Amino acid sequence: MSVRIGYGEDIHLLVEGRDLILAGVKLPFEKGLLGHSDADVVYHAIADCLLGSVAEGDIGVHFRTDDPKCEGMDSSIIAKFAINKVKEHGYRLSNIDVSIICEKPHLMKHIPAMRENIAKTLECGVEDVSVKAMTNEGLGEIGEGKAIKAIAVAVVTKE
């Protein structure tokens, strides 16, 4: 059996006038994340860790910020592309672990929906998806409520 691990992270600034979307869940909040796509840091971190697990670069290689087709794109499309790359290499997702770091909004009640969305997008069981939320204890741009960051780690296996 061959086992590989992928790591990904993403951070975006919070701004007014945008929806806040995390793992495909639109959250009630006065600010959203700034980005070329829908700026879903969770799906971006997931895509980077999956692409990295099979040495396929990062999302910027496949989804360029100067490509008009990517403007406003639903980031689940990016994550779906990444899991398909994993499958093309003959691997399957064993599990994925995601941490979301932000001061506000509080995410606990949204985590079940996030896990469901991720499982559906990656075509795996919800039991294979972990999502955790934490604060940055008031430190840095995240702690000041200026940004949200997501970190993802995935294990992929080939028989």
Protein backbone atom coordinates (compact mmCIF):
# COMPACT_ATOMS: atom_id res chain seq x y z
CA MET A 1 0.00 0.00 0.00
CA SER A 2 1.21 3.50 -0.85
CA VAL A 3 0.28 6.32 1.52
CA ARG A 4 0.72 10.02 0.82
CA ILE A 5 -0.02 13.11 2.87
CA GLY A 6 -1.01 16.53 1.55
CA TYR A 7 -0.97 19.87 3.34
CA GLY A 8 -2.72 23.07 2.30
CA GLU A 9 -3.57 26.43 3.76
CA ASP A 10 -5.26 29.61 2.62
CA ILE A 11 -6.00 33.00 4.10
CA HIS A 12 -8.22 35.82 2.82
CA LEU A 13 -9.07 39.28 4.09
CA LEU A 14 -12.56 40.02 5.39
CA VAL A 15 -14.28 42.89 3.58
CA GLU A 16 -17.72 44.41 3.42
CA GLY A 17 -19.95 43.75 0.44
CA ARG A 18 -19.12 40.05 0.02
CA ASP A 19 -20.84 36.87 1.24
CA LEU A 20 -18.97 34.77 3.77
CA ILE A 21 -18.79 31.23 2.44
CA LEU A 22 -16.89 28.49 4.28
CA ALA A 23 -16.97 24.89 3.02
CA GLY A 24 -19.86 25.88 0.80
CA VAL A 25 -21.95 27.16 3.72
CA LYS A 26 -23.13 30.78 3.42
CA LEU A 27 -22.81 32.22 6.90
CA PRO A 28 -24.78 35.16 8.29
CA PHE A 29 -22.05 37.76 8.84
CA GLU A 30 -21.53 41.41 7.96
CA LYS A 31 -18.34 40.71 6.00
CA GLY A 32 -17.12 38.18 3.48
CA LEU A 33 -13.77 37.04 2.14
CA LEU A 34 -12.00 38.97 -0.61
CA GLY A 35 -10.89 36.90 -3.59
CA HIS A 36 -11.18 36.24 -7.31
CA SER A 37 -13.46 33.23 -6.79
CA ASP A 38 -15.98 33.03 -3.94
CA ALA A 39 -12.84 33.06 -1.69
CA ASP A 40 -13.87 29.95 0.29
CA VAL A 41 -10.65 29.42 2.24
CA VAL A 42 -11.78 25.97 3.38
CA TYR A 43 -12.18 24.57 -0.13
CA HIS A 44 -8.98 26.34 -1.22
CA ALA A 45 -6.95 24.72 1.58
CA ILE A 46 -8.56 21.36 0.80
CA ALA A 47 -7.73 21.68 -2.91
CA ASP A 48 -4.12 22.58 -2.18
CA CYS A 49 -3.62 19.67 0.20
CA LEU A 50 -5.18 17.20 -2.26
CA LEU A 51 -3.18 18.52 -5.21
CA GLY A 52 -0.02 18.44 -3.09
CA SER A 53 -0.62 14.84 -2.06
CA VAL A 54 -0.15 13.75 -5.69
CA ALA A 55 2.44 16.42 -6.64
CA GLU A 56 0.04 18.36 -8.91
CA GLY A 57 1.07 21.82 -7.71
CA ASP A 58 -1.40 24.21 -6.13
CA ILE A 59 -4.70 25.78 -7.13
CA GLY A 60 -2.93 28.76 -8.68
CA VAL A 61 -1.42 26.42 -11.29
CA HIS A 62 -4.86 25.17 -12.35
CA PHE A 63 -7.11 28.17 -11.56
CA ARG A 64 -5.34 31.43 -12.33
CA THR A 65 -6.52 34.67 -10.74
CA ASP A 66 -6.26 36.45 -14.10
CA ASP A 67 -8.63 33.95 -15.76
CA PRO A 68 -12.09 35.55 -16.18
CA LYS A 69 -13.69 32.05 -16.05
CA CYS A 70 -12.59 31.80 -12.41
CA GLU A 71 -14.13 35.11 -11.32
CA GLY A 72 -16.78 34.43 -8.68
CA MET A 73 -16.32 30.66 -9.14
CA ASP A 74 -17.88 28.32 -6.58
CA SER A 75 -14.81 26.90 -4.84
CA SER A 76 -16.38 23.45 -4.54
CA ILE A 77 -15.54 23.17 -8.27
CA ILE A 78 -11.88 23.68 -7.38
CA ALA A 79 -12.03 21.03 -4.63
CA LYS A 80 -13.83 18.61 -6.98
CA PHE A 81 -11.08 19.15 -9.58
CA ALA A 82 -8.45 18.37 -6.92
CA ILE A 83 -10.09 15.12 -5.75
CA ASN A 84 -10.38 14.05 -9.38
CA LYS A 85 -6.61 14.60 -9.78
CA VAL A 86 -6.05 12.36 -6.76
CA LYS A 87 -8.19 9.66 -8.39
CA GLU A 88 -6.39 10.04 -11.75
CA HIS A 89 -3.17 9.14 -9.93
CA GLY A 90 -4.80 5.97 -8.62
CA TYR A 91 -5.26 7.18 -5.03
CA ARG A 92 -8.32 7.54 -2.87
CA LEU A 93 -8.98 9.87 0.03
CA SER A 94 -8.53 8.15 3.36
CA ASN A 95 -9.36 11.16 5.53
CA ILE A 96 -9.14 14.93 5.63
CA ASP A 97 -8.71 17.21 8.64
CA VAL A 98 -9.50 20.93 8.36
CA SER A 99 -8.92 23.73 10.87
CA ILE A 100 -10.60 27.12 10.40
CA ILE A 101 -9.07 30.01 12.29
CA CYS A 102 -11.16 33.14 12.88
CA GLU A 103 -12.34 35.32 15.73
CA LYS A 104 -15.87 35.75 14.39
CA PRO A 105 -18.31 34.47 13.42
CA HIS A 106 -18.58 31.52 15.77
CA LEU A 107 -18.62 28.39 13.64
CA MET A 108 -19.55 25.49 15.92
CA LYS A 109 -23.20 25.23 14.85
CA HIS A 110 -22.18 25.32 11.16
CA ILE A 111 -19.58 22.53 11.34
CA PRO A 112 -22.02 19.64 10.66
CA ALA A 113 -23.18 21.31 7.41
CA MET A 114 -19.57 22.01 6.45
CA ARG A 115 -18.63 18.36 6.99
CA GLU A 116 -21.60 17.24 4.88
CA ASN A 117 -20.68 19.62 2.05
CA ILE A 118 -17.05 18.54 2.06
CA ALA A 119 -17.99 14.85 2.09
CA LYS A 120 -20.38 15.36 -0.83
CA THR A 121 -17.82 17.35 -2.82
CA LEU A 122 -15.00 14.87 -2.21
CA GLU A 123 -17.28 11.82 -2.62
CA CYS A 124 -16.35 10.33 0.74
CA GLY A 125 -18.08 9.54 3.99
CA VAL A 126 -18.75 12.32 6.47
CA GLU A 127 -16.87 10.16 8.99
CA ASP A 128 -13.74 10.77 6.88
CA VAL A 129 -14.04 14.56 7.26
CA SER A 130 -12.95 16.49 10.34
CA VAL A 131 -13.60 20.23 10.67
CA LYS A 132 -12.43 22.20 13.67
CA ALA A 133 -12.82 25.89 14.48
CA MET A 134 -10.49 27.96 16.61
CA THR A 135 -9.62 31.56 17.30
CA ASN A 136 -6.24 33.25 17.07
CA GLU A 137 -6.59 34.56 20.64
CA GLY A 138 -6.74 38.16 19.41
CA LEU A 139 -3.33 37.98 17.74
CA GLY A 140 -2.43 39.25 14.26
CA GLU A 141 -4.82 40.00 11.39
CA ILE A 142 -6.93 36.95 12.18
CA GLY A 143 -7.19 37.88 15.84
CA GLU A 144 -8.12 41.44 14.91
CA GLY A 145 -11.00 40.12 12.79
CA LYS A 146 -9.40 41.18 9.50
CA ALA A 147 -8.90 37.71 7.98
CA ILE A 148 -9.89 34.04 8.10
CA LYS A 149 -7.46 31.18 7.55
CA ALA A 150 -7.98 27.49 6.86
CA ILE A 151 -5.47 24.65 7.10
CA ALA A 152 -6.10 21.17 5.68
CA VAL A 153 -4.25 17.88 5.87
CA ALA A 154 -5.28 14.81 3.88
CA VAL A 155 -4.12 11.21 3.71
CA VAL A 156 -4.54 9.45 0.37
CA THR A 157 -3.85 5.77 -0.23
CA LYS A 158 -3.25 3.45 -3.16
CA GLU A 159 -3.63 -0.31 -2.84
